[in-house]
Amino acid sequence: MRLKRLFSKVATGIGYFLIFGVALYALAYFLPGYQPGFLTSKPLGNLFWRTVFFTHVGLGAVALSLGPFQFSRQLRQRRVGLHRRLGKLYVFSILIASVAAFCAAWFASTGWVAAVGFAGLAIAWFYTTFRAYRAIRQGQIRSHQEWMMRSYATTLSAVTLRIILPVELAVFQLPFSMAYPIVAWLCWIPNLIFVEWWLLRRNRVKPPMLPGMAK
């Protein structure tokens, strides 16, 4: 039991480290003069692209950082007002960032497969978050919680992308032109599949006992 708790704490710590690390890395894009190699293939002279890209990156980092607080049971129980205010900020950030991400997706430098993958992610990001917001507005708390899990699963694509892409490049030694279109799909679809599996497992109703089975 102690080993299980220790493993849970270590896993949680690693998760927080990745989440806040990626969020801080995203905010580094706003530092003056900072231009990572990723941007060299982007149309930096295009005002529309710069607007949607930096909107997506900035608000996406906000949403990513808010997730752990929104899923905190203690915060929900003890600071309901704060939970609601942070939730509104989370929803607002994603509804704007997802539209910006959808627009930015079509500028993918590695072709239409990557573009469609990231556009699909943007649609899923918007839809799951909107459903979570609509559910809580209708007083459907359980549905809200489930859609929030799906929403954050898509938000976490920022983390899974930065885990999968280096593995593709360093371990499998795929060229970037092949690795990026693949990760454009792998960074979010498995996240949603895992959440659906977890929800089905949690919500599974035990079959009723047949007559004569009770002891």
N, C-alpha and C. Protein backbone atom coordinates (compact mmCIF):
# COMPACT_ATOMS: atom_id res chain seq x y z
N MET A 1 0.83 -1.21 0.00
CA MET A 1 0.00 0.00 0.00
C MET A 1 0.87 1.26 0.00
N ARG A 2 1.93 1.22 0.82
CA ARG A 2 2.84 2.37 0.86
C ARG A 2 3.54 2.54 -0.47
N LEU A 3 3.91 1.42 -1.10
CA LEU A 3 4.58 1.49 -2.40
C LEU A 3 3.66 2.09 -3.45
N LYS A 4 2.37 1.73 -3.37
CA LYS A 4 1.40 2.27 -4.32
C LYS A 4 1.24 3.77 -4.14
N ARG A 5 1.20 4.21 -2.87
CA ARG A 5 1.09 5.64 -2.61
C ARG A 5 2.33 6.39 -3.08
N LEU A 6 3.49 5.78 -2.85
CA LEU A 6 4.75 6.40 -3.29
C LEU A 6 4.77 6.53 -4.80
N PHE A 7 4.37 5.46 -5.48
CA PHE A 7 4.33 5.50 -6.95
C PHE A 7 3.38 6.58 -7.43
N SER A 8 2.23 6.70 -6.77
CA SER A 8 1.23 7.71 -7.16
C SER A 8 1.79 9.12 -6.98
N LYS A 9 2.52 9.35 -5.86
CA LYS A 9 3.08 10.67 -5.62
C LYS A 9 4.18 11.01 -6.64
N VAL A 10 5.01 10.00 -6.95
CA VAL A 10 6.08 10.22 -7.93
C VAL A 10 5.49 10.52 -9.30
N ALA A 11 4.46 9.74 -9.70
CA ALA A 11 3.81 9.95 -10.99
C ALA A 11 3.16 11.33 -11.06
N THR A 12 2.52 11.73 -9.97
CA THR A 12 1.89 13.05 -9.92
C THR A 12 2.94 14.16 -10.03
N GLY A 13 4.05 13.97 -9.31
CA GLY A 13 5.13 14.96 -9.38
C GLY A 13 5.70 15.10 -10.78
N ILE A 14 5.91 13.98 -11.46
CA ILE A 14 6.42 14.01 -12.83
C ILE A 14 5.41 14.69 -13.74
N GLY A 15 4.13 14.39 -13.53
CA GLY A 15 3.08 15.00 -14.34
C GLY A 15 3.06 16.51 -14.19
N TYR A 16 3.13 16.99 -12.94
CA TYR A 16 3.15 18.43 -12.70
C TYR A 16 4.39 19.07 -13.32
N PHE A 17 5.52 18.39 -13.20
CA PHE A 17 6.76 18.92 -13.77
C PHE A 17 6.63 19.10 -15.28
N LEU A 18 6.06 18.11 -15.96
CA LEU A 18 5.89 18.19 -17.41
C LEU A 18 4.88 19.27 -17.79
N ILE A 19 3.78 19.33 -17.05
CA ILE A 19 2.73 20.30 -17.37
C ILE A 19 3.24 21.73 -17.25
N PHE A 20 3.81 22.05 -16.08
CA PHE A 20 4.26 23.43 -15.87
C PHE A 20 5.54 23.73 -16.65
N GLY A 21 6.34 22.70 -16.90
CA GLY A 21 7.53 22.90 -17.72
C GLY A 21 7.18 23.27 -19.15
N VAL A 22 6.21 22.56 -19.73
CA VAL A 22 5.77 22.86 -21.10
C VAL A 22 5.10 24.22 -21.16
N ALA A 23 4.32 24.56 -20.13
CA ALA A 23 3.66 25.87 -20.10
C ALA A 23 4.69 27.00 -20.07
N LEU A 24 5.73 26.86 -19.25
CA LEU A 24 6.79 27.88 -19.19
C LEU A 24 7.56 27.94 -20.50
N TYR A 25 7.80 26.78 -21.09
CA TYR A 25 8.49 26.75 -22.38
C TYR A 25 7.68 27.50 -23.44
N ALA A 26 6.35 27.32 -23.42
CA ALA A 26 5.49 28.01 -24.39
C ALA A 26 5.57 29.52 -24.20
N LEU A 27 5.60 29.95 -22.95
CA LEU A 27 5.67 31.39 -22.68
C LEU A 27 7.00 31.99 -23.11
N ALA A 28 8.03 31.14 -23.26
CA ALA A 28 9.34 31.64 -23.71
C ALA A 28 9.27 32.21 -25.12
N TYR A 29 8.25 31.81 -25.88
CA TYR A 29 8.10 32.34 -27.24
C TYR A 29 7.87 33.85 -27.22
N PHE A 30 7.45 34.38 -26.09
CA PHE A 30 7.15 35.81 -26.00
C PHE A 30 8.36 36.63 -25.54
N LEU A 31 9.48 35.95 -25.25
CA LEU A 31 10.68 36.67 -24.86
C LEU A 31 11.27 37.41 -26.06
N PRO A 32 11.68 38.66 -25.90
CA PRO A 32 12.26 39.42 -27.01
C PRO A 32 13.51 38.74 -27.57
N GLY A 33 13.54 38.59 -28.87
CA GLY A 33 14.70 38.02 -29.53
C GLY A 33 14.77 36.50 -29.51
N TYR A 34 13.83 35.85 -28.81
CA TYR A 34 13.85 34.38 -28.74
C TYR A 34 13.23 33.82 -30.02
N GLN A 35 13.98 33.01 -30.74
CA GLN A 35 13.48 32.43 -31.98
C GLN A 35 14.05 31.02 -32.14
N PRO A 36 13.34 30.02 -31.61
CA PRO A 36 13.82 28.63 -31.74
C PRO A 36 13.78 28.17 -33.18
N GLY A 37 14.48 27.07 -33.45
CA GLY A 37 14.55 26.55 -34.81
C GLY A 37 13.19 26.23 -35.40
N PHE A 38 12.22 25.93 -34.53
CA PHE A 38 10.87 25.61 -35.00
C PHE A 38 10.28 26.74 -35.84
N LEU A 39 10.62 27.97 -35.48
CA LEU A 39 10.02 29.12 -36.16
C LEU A 39 10.69 29.46 -37.49
N THR A 40 11.82 28.86 -37.77
CA THR A 40 12.53 29.21 -39.00
C THR A 40 11.76 28.81 -40.25
N SER A 41 10.90 27.79 -40.12
CA SER A 41 10.11 27.34 -41.27
C SER A 41 8.73 27.97 -41.31
N LYS A 42 8.48 28.94 -40.43
CA LYS A 42 7.17 29.57 -40.34
C LYS A 42 7.16 30.93 -41.02
N PRO A 43 5.99 31.35 -41.49
CA PRO A 43 5.89 32.66 -42.18
C PRO A 43 5.87 33.81 -41.19
N LEU A 44 7.01 34.13 -40.63
CA LEU A 44 7.08 35.15 -39.59
C LEU A 44 6.64 36.52 -40.08
N GLY A 45 6.71 36.74 -41.38
CA GLY A 45 6.29 38.03 -41.92
C GLY A 45 4.80 38.15 -42.11
N ASN A 46 4.07 37.07 -41.88
CA ASN A 46 2.63 37.05 -42.07
C ASN A 46 1.95 37.46 -40.77
N LEU A 47 1.31 38.62 -40.74
CA LEU A 47 0.69 39.14 -39.52
C LEU A 47 -0.42 38.22 -39.02
N PHE A 48 -1.20 37.67 -39.95
CA PHE A 48 -2.29 36.77 -39.54
C PHE A 48 -1.74 35.54 -38.83
N TRP A 49 -0.69 34.94 -39.42
CA TRP A 49 -0.10 33.76 -38.78
C TRP A 49 0.46 34.10 -37.42
N ARG A 50 1.17 35.21 -37.29
CA ARG A 50 1.75 35.58 -36.01
C ARG A 50 0.65 35.78 -34.96
N THR A 51 -0.46 36.38 -35.37
CA THR A 51 -1.56 36.64 -34.43
C THR A 51 -2.16 35.34 -33.92
N VAL A 52 -2.51 34.43 -34.85
CA VAL A 52 -3.16 33.19 -34.42
C VAL A 52 -2.18 32.27 -33.69
N PHE A 53 -0.92 32.28 -34.11
CA PHE A 53 0.06 31.40 -33.46
C PHE A 53 0.31 31.82 -32.02
N PHE A 54 0.58 33.10 -31.80
CA PHE A 54 0.89 33.55 -30.45
C PHE A 54 -0.34 33.57 -29.55
N THR A 55 -1.52 33.77 -30.14
CA THR A 55 -2.76 33.65 -29.36
C THR A 55 -2.93 32.21 -28.88
N HIS A 56 -2.72 31.27 -29.79
CA HIS A 56 -2.83 29.86 -29.46
C HIS A 56 -1.81 29.46 -28.39
N VAL A 57 -0.57 29.88 -28.56
CA VAL A 57 0.50 29.51 -27.62
C VAL A 57 0.25 30.12 -26.23
N GLY A 58 -0.06 31.41 -26.19
CA GLY A 58 -0.23 32.09 -24.91
C GLY A 58 -1.42 31.58 -24.11
N LEU A 59 -2.59 31.53 -24.75
CA LEU A 59 -3.79 31.07 -24.04
C LEU A 59 -3.74 29.57 -23.79
N GLY A 60 -3.08 28.83 -24.68
CA GLY A 60 -2.91 27.41 -24.46
C GLY A 60 -2.09 27.13 -23.21
N ALA A 61 -1.05 27.93 -22.99
CA ALA A 61 -0.22 27.79 -21.79
C ALA A 61 -1.03 28.09 -20.53
N VAL A 62 -1.92 29.07 -20.61
CA VAL A 62 -2.79 29.39 -19.47
C VAL A 62 -3.69 28.21 -19.15
N ALA A 63 -4.33 27.65 -20.17
CA ALA A 63 -5.23 26.51 -19.95
C ALA A 63 -4.48 25.30 -19.41
N LEU A 64 -3.30 25.04 -19.95
CA LEU A 64 -2.50 23.91 -19.50
C LEU A 64 -2.16 24.05 -18.02
N SER A 65 -1.81 25.26 -17.59
CA SER A 65 -1.43 25.50 -16.20
C SER A 65 -2.61 25.41 -15.25
N LEU A 66 -3.81 25.74 -15.71
CA LEU A 66 -4.98 25.75 -14.84
C LEU A 66 -5.54 24.35 -14.59
N GLY A 67 -5.26 23.41 -15.48
CA GLY A 67 -5.83 22.08 -15.37
C GLY A 67 -5.64 21.41 -14.02
N PRO A 68 -4.41 21.31 -13.50
CA PRO A 68 -4.20 20.65 -12.21
C PRO A 68 -5.02 21.26 -11.07
N PHE A 69 -5.23 22.57 -11.09
CA PHE A 69 -6.02 23.21 -10.05
C PHE A 69 -7.50 22.89 -10.20
N GLN A 70 -7.97 22.81 -11.43
CA GLN A 70 -9.38 22.52 -11.66
C GLN A 70 -9.75 21.09 -11.28
N PHE A 71 -8.78 20.19 -11.33
CA PHE A 71 -9.06 18.81 -10.97
C PHE A 71 -8.75 18.52 -9.49
N SER A 72 -8.38 19.55 -8.76
CA SER A 72 -8.10 19.39 -7.33
C SER A 72 -9.41 19.28 -6.56
N ARG A 73 -9.61 18.16 -5.89
CA ARG A 73 -10.84 17.96 -5.12
C ARG A 73 -10.91 18.94 -3.96
N GLN A 74 -9.78 19.23 -3.33
CA GLN A 74 -9.78 20.15 -2.21
C GLN A 74 -10.20 21.55 -2.64
N LEU A 75 -9.72 21.98 -3.79
CA LEU A 75 -10.09 23.31 -4.29
C LEU A 75 -11.59 23.37 -4.58
N ARG A 76 -12.12 22.32 -5.19
CA ARG A 76 -13.55 22.30 -5.51
C ARG A 76 -14.41 22.33 -4.26
N GLN A 77 -13.96 21.65 -3.21
CA GLN A 77 -14.76 21.56 -2.01
C GLN A 77 -14.62 22.77 -1.09
N ARG A 78 -13.41 23.32 -1.00
CA ARG A 78 -13.15 24.39 -0.05
C ARG A 78 -13.24 25.78 -0.65
N ARG A 79 -12.94 25.90 -1.94
CA ARG A 79 -12.94 27.22 -2.59
C ARG A 79 -13.77 27.14 -3.87
N VAL A 80 -15.06 26.98 -3.71
CA VAL A 80 -15.94 26.80 -4.87
C VAL A 80 -15.89 28.02 -5.79
N GLY A 81 -15.90 29.21 -5.18
CA GLY A 81 -15.87 30.44 -5.98
C GLY A 81 -14.61 30.54 -6.83
N LEU A 82 -13.47 30.20 -6.23
CA LEU A 82 -12.21 30.24 -6.97
C LEU A 82 -12.22 29.19 -8.08
N HIS A 83 -12.76 28.01 -7.77
CA HIS A 83 -12.85 26.95 -8.79
C HIS A 83 -13.66 27.43 -9.99
N ARG A 84 -14.74 28.13 -9.74
CA ARG A 84 -15.59 28.61 -10.83
C ARG A 84 -14.89 29.70 -11.64
N ARG A 85 -14.19 30.60 -10.95
CA ARG A 85 -13.50 31.68 -11.67
C ARG A 85 -12.37 31.12 -12.53
N LEU A 86 -11.61 30.20 -11.98
CA LEU A 86 -10.54 29.57 -12.77
C LEU A 86 -11.13 28.76 -13.91
N GLY A 87 -12.28 28.14 -13.68
CA GLY A 87 -12.93 27.37 -14.74
C GLY A 87 -13.35 28.26 -15.89
N LYS A 88 -13.88 29.43 -15.57
CA LYS A 88 -14.28 30.36 -16.63
C LYS A 88 -13.06 30.82 -17.43
N LEU A 89 -11.95 31.06 -16.73
CA LEU A 89 -10.72 31.46 -17.43
C LEU A 89 -10.21 30.33 -18.31
N TYR A 90 -10.30 29.10 -17.80
CA TYR A 90 -9.89 27.92 -18.57
C TYR A 90 -10.71 27.81 -19.85
N VAL A 91 -12.03 27.90 -19.71
CA VAL A 91 -12.92 27.77 -20.87
C VAL A 91 -12.68 28.90 -21.87
N PHE A 92 -12.59 30.14 -21.37
CA PHE A 92 -12.36 31.27 -22.26
C PHE A 92 -11.05 31.10 -23.02
N SER A 93 -10.00 30.70 -22.30
CA SER A 93 -8.68 30.54 -22.94
C SER A 93 -8.75 29.53 -24.07
N ILE A 94 -9.42 28.41 -23.83
CA ILE A 94 -9.45 27.35 -24.84
C ILE A 94 -10.35 27.70 -26.01
N LEU A 95 -11.50 28.30 -25.75
CA LEU A 95 -12.39 28.63 -26.86
C LEU A 95 -11.74 29.61 -27.83
N ILE A 96 -10.92 30.51 -27.32
CA ILE A 96 -10.19 31.43 -28.19
C ILE A 96 -8.97 30.73 -28.80
N ALA A 97 -8.21 30.03 -27.96
CA ALA A 97 -6.98 29.39 -28.43
C ALA A 97 -7.25 28.31 -29.47
N SER A 98 -8.36 27.60 -29.33
CA SER A 98 -8.66 26.52 -30.28
C SER A 98 -8.99 27.06 -31.66
N VAL A 99 -9.69 28.18 -31.71
CA VAL A 99 -9.98 28.81 -33.00
C VAL A 99 -8.67 29.29 -33.64
N ALA A 100 -7.81 29.89 -32.83
CA ALA A 100 -6.52 30.34 -33.33
C ALA A 100 -5.68 29.15 -33.80
N ALA A 101 -5.74 28.04 -33.04
CA ALA A 101 -4.97 26.84 -33.41
C ALA A 101 -5.48 26.25 -34.72
N PHE A 102 -6.79 26.29 -34.92
CA PHE A 102 -7.36 25.78 -36.17
C PHE A 102 -6.83 26.57 -37.37
N CYS A 103 -6.76 27.88 -37.20
CA CYS A 103 -6.25 28.72 -38.28
C CYS A 103 -4.76 28.48 -38.52
N ALA A 104 -4.01 28.35 -37.42
CA ALA A 104 -2.56 28.15 -37.54
C ALA A 104 -2.21 26.79 -38.12
N ALA A 105 -3.11 25.80 -37.92
CA ALA A 105 -2.83 24.43 -38.37
C ALA A 105 -2.56 24.36 -39.87
N TRP A 106 -3.22 25.20 -40.63
CA TRP A 106 -3.11 25.11 -42.10
C TRP A 106 -1.80 25.69 -42.63
N PHE A 107 -0.98 26.21 -41.72
CA PHE A 107 0.34 26.69 -42.11
C PHE A 107 1.41 25.64 -41.82
N ALA A 108 1.01 24.43 -41.48
CA ALA A 108 1.98 23.37 -41.17
C ALA A 108 2.95 23.19 -42.33
N SER A 109 4.23 23.21 -42.02
CA SER A 109 5.26 23.17 -43.07
C SER A 109 5.55 21.76 -43.56
N THR A 110 4.95 20.74 -42.91
CA THR A 110 5.23 19.36 -43.30
C THR A 110 4.07 18.73 -44.07
N GLY A 111 3.16 19.54 -44.57
CA GLY A 111 2.14 19.01 -45.46
C GLY A 111 0.74 18.89 -44.86
N TRP A 112 -0.17 18.39 -45.69
CA TRP A 112 -1.58 18.39 -45.33
C TRP A 112 -1.92 17.36 -44.25
N VAL A 113 -1.16 16.29 -44.12
CA VAL A 113 -1.44 15.30 -43.08
C VAL A 113 -1.28 15.93 -41.69
N ALA A 114 -0.20 16.66 -41.51
CA ALA A 114 0.01 17.37 -40.24
C ALA A 114 -1.05 18.45 -40.06
N ALA A 115 -1.36 19.17 -41.12
CA ALA A 115 -2.35 20.25 -41.04
C ALA A 115 -3.71 19.72 -40.60
N VAL A 116 -4.16 18.62 -41.21
CA VAL A 116 -5.46 18.04 -40.86
C VAL A 116 -5.43 17.49 -39.43
N GLY A 117 -4.30 16.89 -39.04
CA GLY A 117 -4.18 16.37 -37.68
C GLY A 117 -4.32 17.46 -36.64
N PHE A 118 -3.62 18.56 -36.82
CA PHE A 118 -3.69 19.66 -35.86
C PHE A 118 -5.03 20.39 -35.94
N ALA A 119 -5.62 20.46 -37.13
CA ALA A 119 -6.95 21.06 -37.25
C ALA A 119 -7.98 20.21 -36.51
N GLY A 120 -7.86 18.89 -36.63
CA GLY A 120 -8.75 17.99 -35.90
C GLY A 120 -8.60 18.15 -34.40
N LEU A 121 -7.36 18.31 -33.95
CA LEU A 121 -7.11 18.56 -32.53
C LEU A 121 -7.79 19.85 -32.08
N ALA A 122 -7.69 20.89 -32.88
CA ALA A 122 -8.31 22.17 -32.52
C ALA A 122 -9.82 22.03 -32.40
N ILE A 123 -10.42 21.28 -33.32
CA ILE A 123 -11.88 21.07 -33.27
C ILE A 123 -12.26 20.29 -32.02
N ALA A 124 -11.51 19.21 -31.72
CA ALA A 124 -11.78 18.41 -30.52
C ALA A 124 -11.59 19.24 -29.25
N TRP A 125 -10.59 20.10 -29.25
CA TRP A 125 -10.30 20.98 -28.11
C TRP A 125 -11.47 21.92 -27.84
N PHE A 126 -11.97 22.53 -28.91
CA PHE A 126 -13.10 23.45 -28.79
C PHE A 126 -14.36 22.70 -28.35
N TYR A 127 -14.64 21.58 -29.02
CA TYR A 127 -15.90 20.86 -28.79
C TYR A 127 -15.98 20.30 -27.37
N THR A 128 -14.92 19.64 -26.91
CA THR A 128 -14.96 19.04 -25.57
C THR A 128 -15.08 20.11 -24.49
N THR A 129 -14.42 21.24 -24.68
CA THR A 129 -14.49 22.32 -23.70
C THR A 129 -15.86 22.97 -23.70
N PHE A 130 -16.42 23.18 -24.89
CA PHE A 130 -17.75 23.77 -24.98
C PHE A 130 -18.78 22.86 -24.34
N ARG A 131 -18.67 21.54 -24.56
CA ARG A 131 -19.60 20.60 -23.95
C ARG A 131 -19.48 20.61 -22.42
N ALA A 132 -18.26 20.73 -21.93
CA ALA A 132 -18.06 20.80 -20.48
C ALA A 132 -18.72 22.06 -19.91
N TYR A 133 -18.57 23.17 -20.61
CA TYR A 133 -19.17 24.43 -20.16
C TYR A 133 -20.69 24.36 -20.22
N ARG A 134 -21.23 23.82 -21.29
CA ARG A 134 -22.68 23.72 -21.43
C ARG A 134 -23.27 22.81 -20.36
N ALA A 135 -22.56 21.73 -20.05
CA ALA A 135 -23.07 20.79 -19.05
C ALA A 135 -23.18 21.45 -17.67
N ILE A 136 -22.18 22.22 -17.28
CA ILE A 136 -22.24 22.85 -15.95
C ILE A 136 -23.28 23.95 -15.93
N ARG A 137 -23.49 24.62 -17.05
CA ARG A 137 -24.54 25.63 -17.13
C ARG A 137 -25.92 25.01 -16.96
N GLN A 138 -26.05 23.76 -17.35
CA GLN A 138 -27.32 23.04 -17.22
C GLN A 138 -27.41 22.26 -15.91
N GLY A 139 -26.41 22.40 -15.06
CA GLY A 139 -26.43 21.73 -13.77
C GLY A 139 -26.08 20.25 -13.83
N GLN A 140 -25.50 19.81 -14.94
CA GLN A 140 -25.14 18.39 -15.10
C GLN A 140 -23.69 18.20 -14.65
N ILE A 141 -23.50 18.04 -13.35
CA ILE A 141 -22.17 18.03 -12.77
C ILE A 141 -21.35 16.84 -13.26
N ARG A 142 -21.93 15.65 -13.26
CA ARG A 142 -21.17 14.47 -13.68
C ARG A 142 -20.75 14.58 -15.14
N SER A 143 -21.68 15.02 -15.99
CA SER A 143 -21.36 15.21 -17.40
C SER A 143 -20.28 16.27 -17.57
N HIS A 144 -20.38 17.32 -16.78
CA HIS A 144 -19.37 18.39 -16.82
C HIS A 144 -17.99 17.84 -16.50
N GLN A 145 -17.91 17.04 -15.45
CA GLN A 145 -16.62 16.48 -15.04
C GLN A 145 -16.04 15.58 -16.13
N GLU A 146 -16.90 14.80 -16.77
CA GLU A 146 -16.41 13.88 -17.81
C GLU A 146 -15.94 14.65 -19.04
N TRP A 147 -16.67 15.68 -19.42
CA TRP A 147 -16.25 16.47 -20.58
C TRP A 147 -15.01 17.30 -20.26
N MET A 148 -14.86 17.70 -18.99
CA MET A 148 -13.63 18.40 -18.60
C MET A 148 -12.42 17.48 -18.71
N MET A 149 -12.60 16.21 -18.40
CA MET A 149 -11.51 15.26 -18.55
C MET A 149 -11.12 15.13 -20.02
N ARG A 150 -12.12 15.07 -20.88
CA ARG A 150 -11.83 14.99 -22.32
C ARG A 150 -11.16 16.28 -22.79
N SER A 151 -11.65 17.41 -22.28
CA SER A 151 -11.06 18.69 -22.66
C SER A 151 -9.59 18.75 -22.26
N TYR A 152 -9.30 18.35 -21.03
CA TYR A 152 -7.91 18.44 -20.58
C TYR A 152 -7.02 17.40 -21.26
N ALA A 153 -7.63 16.30 -21.69
CA ALA A 153 -6.87 15.31 -22.45
C ALA A 153 -6.35 15.92 -23.75
N THR A 154 -7.19 16.75 -24.38
CA THR A 154 -6.73 17.42 -25.61
C THR A 154 -5.76 18.55 -25.27
N THR A 155 -5.96 19.22 -24.15
CA THR A 155 -5.01 20.26 -23.73
C THR A 155 -3.63 19.65 -23.49
N LEU A 156 -3.60 18.44 -22.94
CA LEU A 156 -2.34 17.77 -22.65
C LEU A 156 -1.60 17.32 -23.91
N SER A 157 -2.19 17.52 -25.07
CA SER A 157 -1.49 17.20 -26.31
C SER A 157 -0.19 18.00 -26.42
N ALA A 158 -0.17 19.17 -25.77
CA ALA A 158 1.06 19.98 -25.78
C ALA A 158 2.19 19.24 -25.07
N VAL A 159 1.84 18.43 -24.07
CA VAL A 159 2.84 17.65 -23.34
C VAL A 159 3.19 16.38 -24.11
N THR A 160 2.17 15.65 -24.55
CA THR A 160 2.44 14.38 -25.23
C THR A 160 3.19 14.59 -26.55
N LEU A 161 2.95 15.71 -27.21
CA LEU A 161 3.69 16.01 -28.43
C LEU A 161 5.18 16.10 -28.14
N ARG A 162 5.51 16.75 -27.02
CA ARG A 162 6.93 16.95 -26.67
C ARG A 162 7.56 15.71 -26.06
N ILE A 163 6.77 14.70 -25.80
CA ILE A 163 7.30 13.40 -25.39
C ILE A 163 7.51 12.50 -26.61
N ILE A 164 6.50 12.47 -27.48
CA ILE A 164 6.52 11.56 -28.62
C ILE A 164 7.52 12.01 -29.69
N LEU A 165 7.54 13.31 -29.99
CA LEU A 165 8.39 13.80 -31.08
C LEU A 165 9.87 13.49 -30.87
N PRO A 166 10.43 13.75 -29.68
CA PRO A 166 11.85 13.38 -29.48
C PRO A 166 12.10 11.88 -29.62
N VAL A 167 11.12 11.06 -29.22
CA VAL A 167 11.28 9.61 -29.37
C VAL A 167 11.31 9.24 -30.85
N GLU A 168 10.45 9.86 -31.62
CA GLU A 168 10.44 9.61 -33.06
C GLU A 168 11.79 9.98 -33.69
N LEU A 169 12.31 11.13 -33.28
CA LEU A 169 13.53 11.64 -33.90
C LEU A 169 14.78 10.92 -33.39
N ALA A 170 14.87 10.72 -32.07
CA ALA A 170 16.10 10.18 -31.49
C ALA A 170 16.14 8.66 -31.47
N VAL A 171 15.01 8.03 -31.13
CA VAL A 171 14.99 6.57 -31.00
C VAL A 171 14.74 5.90 -32.35
N PHE A 172 13.68 6.32 -33.03
CA PHE A 172 13.35 5.71 -34.33
C PHE A 172 14.05 6.40 -35.49
N GLN A 173 14.67 7.55 -35.21
CA GLN A 173 15.45 8.29 -36.19
C GLN A 173 14.65 8.57 -37.48
N LEU A 174 13.41 8.97 -37.28
CA LEU A 174 12.58 9.37 -38.42
C LEU A 174 12.96 10.79 -38.83
N PRO A 175 12.90 11.09 -40.09
CA PRO A 175 13.11 12.49 -40.51
C PRO A 175 11.95 13.35 -40.00
N PHE A 176 12.25 14.60 -39.72
CA PHE A 176 11.24 15.50 -39.17
C PHE A 176 10.01 15.57 -40.08
N SER A 177 10.24 15.53 -41.39
CA SER A 177 9.13 15.62 -42.35
C SER A 177 8.16 14.46 -42.22
N MET A 178 8.61 13.33 -41.64
CA MET A 178 7.74 12.19 -41.41
C MET A 178 7.24 12.16 -39.96
N ALA A 179 8.11 12.53 -39.02
CA ALA A 179 7.76 12.46 -37.61
C ALA A 179 6.66 13.46 -37.24
N TYR A 180 6.71 14.64 -37.82
CA TYR A 180 5.76 15.69 -37.41
C TYR A 180 4.33 15.37 -37.85
N PRO A 181 4.09 14.90 -39.07
CA PRO A 181 2.72 14.50 -39.42
C PRO A 181 2.19 13.37 -38.53
N ILE A 182 3.07 12.46 -38.12
CA ILE A 182 2.63 11.36 -37.25
C ILE A 182 2.23 11.89 -35.88
N VAL A 183 3.08 12.75 -35.31
CA VAL A 183 2.81 13.25 -33.97
C VAL A 183 1.60 14.20 -33.96
N ALA A 184 1.28 14.76 -35.11
CA ALA A 184 0.10 15.63 -35.20
C ALA A 184 -1.18 14.87 -34.86
N TRP A 185 -1.15 13.56 -35.00
CA TRP A 185 -2.29 12.70 -34.65
C TRP A 185 -2.06 11.97 -33.33
N LEU A 186 -0.83 11.50 -33.11
CA LEU A 186 -0.54 10.72 -31.91
C LEU A 186 -0.54 11.55 -30.64
N CYS A 187 -0.41 12.86 -30.75
CA CYS A 187 -0.33 13.68 -29.55
C CYS A 187 -1.68 13.87 -28.87
N TRP A 188 -2.79 13.54 -29.54
CA TRP A 188 -4.09 13.77 -28.91
C TRP A 188 -5.08 12.62 -29.00
N ILE A 189 -5.06 11.83 -30.06
CA ILE A 189 -6.03 10.75 -30.17
C ILE A 189 -5.85 9.69 -29.08
N PRO A 190 -4.62 9.22 -28.80
CA PRO A 190 -4.47 8.27 -27.69
C PRO A 190 -4.90 8.85 -26.35
N ASN A 191 -4.72 10.15 -26.14
CA ASN A 191 -5.17 10.78 -24.90
C ASN A 191 -6.68 10.61 -24.72
N LEU A 192 -7.43 10.89 -25.79
CA LEU A 192 -8.88 10.76 -25.72
C LEU A 192 -9.32 9.31 -25.57
N ILE A 193 -8.62 8.41 -26.25
CA ILE A 193 -8.95 6.99 -26.12
C ILE A 193 -8.74 6.53 -24.67
N PHE A 194 -7.65 6.97 -24.06
CA PHE A 194 -7.39 6.59 -22.67
C PHE A 194 -8.48 7.11 -21.74
N VAL A 195 -8.89 8.36 -21.94
CA VAL A 195 -9.94 8.93 -21.09
C VAL A 195 -11.24 8.16 -21.26
N GLU A 196 -11.60 7.82 -22.50
CA GLU A 196 -12.83 7.06 -22.72
C GLU A 196 -12.75 5.70 -22.05
N TRP A 197 -11.59 5.06 -22.14
CA TRP A 197 -11.41 3.76 -21.47
C TRP A 197 -11.56 3.91 -19.97
N TRP A 198 -10.96 4.97 -19.41
CA TRP A 198 -11.01 5.18 -17.97
C TRP A 198 -12.44 5.47 -17.52
N LEU A 199 -13.17 6.27 -18.28
CA LEU A 199 -14.55 6.60 -17.92
C LEU A 199 -15.44 5.36 -18.00
N LEU A 200 -15.26 4.56 -19.03
CA LEU A 200 -16.05 3.33 -19.15
C LEU A 200 -15.76 2.40 -17.98
N ARG A 201 -14.50 2.31 -17.63
CA ARG A 201 -14.10 1.45 -16.51
C ARG A 201 -14.68 1.96 -15.20
N ARG A 202 -14.67 3.27 -15.01
CA ARG A 202 -15.19 3.86 -13.77
C ARG A 202 -16.71 3.75 -13.68
N ASN A 203 -17.36 3.93 -14.83
CA ASN A 203 -18.82 3.96 -14.84
C ASN A 203 -19.46 2.61 -15.08
N ARG A 204 -18.63 1.58 -15.21
CA ARG A 204 -19.19 0.26 -15.49
C ARG A 204 -20.10 -0.18 -14.35
N VAL A 205 -21.32 -0.56 -14.72
CA VAL A 205 -22.30 -1.00 -13.72
C VAL A 205 -22.13 -2.50 -13.50
N LYS A 206 -22.03 -2.89 -12.25
CA LYS A 206 -21.91 -4.31 -11.95
C LYS A 206 -23.20 -5.04 -12.33
N PRO A 207 -23.10 -6.18 -13.00
CA PRO A 207 -24.30 -6.91 -13.39
C PRO A 207 -25.08 -7.38 -12.17
N PRO A 208 -26.39 -7.35 -12.25
CA PRO A 208 -27.19 -7.79 -11.10
C PRO A 208 -26.99 -9.27 -10.84
N MET A 209 -27.07 -9.66 -9.58
CA MET A 209 -26.90 -11.05 -9.22
C MET A 209 -28.14 -11.85 -9.58
N LEU A 210 -27.94 -13.01 -10.17
CA LEU A 210 -29.05 -13.87 -10.56
C LEU A 210 -29.60 -14.59 -9.35
N PRO A 211 -30.88 -14.98 -9.38
CA PRO A 211 -31.46 -15.72 -8.26
C PRO A 211 -30.64 -16.97 -8.00
N GLY A 212 -30.40 -17.22 -6.73
CA GLY A 212 -29.66 -18.41 -6.34
C GLY A 212 -28.17 -18.20 -6.24
N MET A 213 -27.68 -16.99 -6.70
CA MET A 213 -26.23 -16.73 -6.66
C MET A 213 -25.81 -16.16 -5.30
N ALA A 214 -26.77 -15.51 -4.63
CA ALA A 214 -26.43 -14.91 -3.34
C ALA A 214 -26.11 -15.96 -2.32
N LYS A 215 -25.11 -15.71 -1.54
CA LYS A 215 -24.72 -16.67 -0.51
C LYS A 215 -25.14 -16.17 0.85
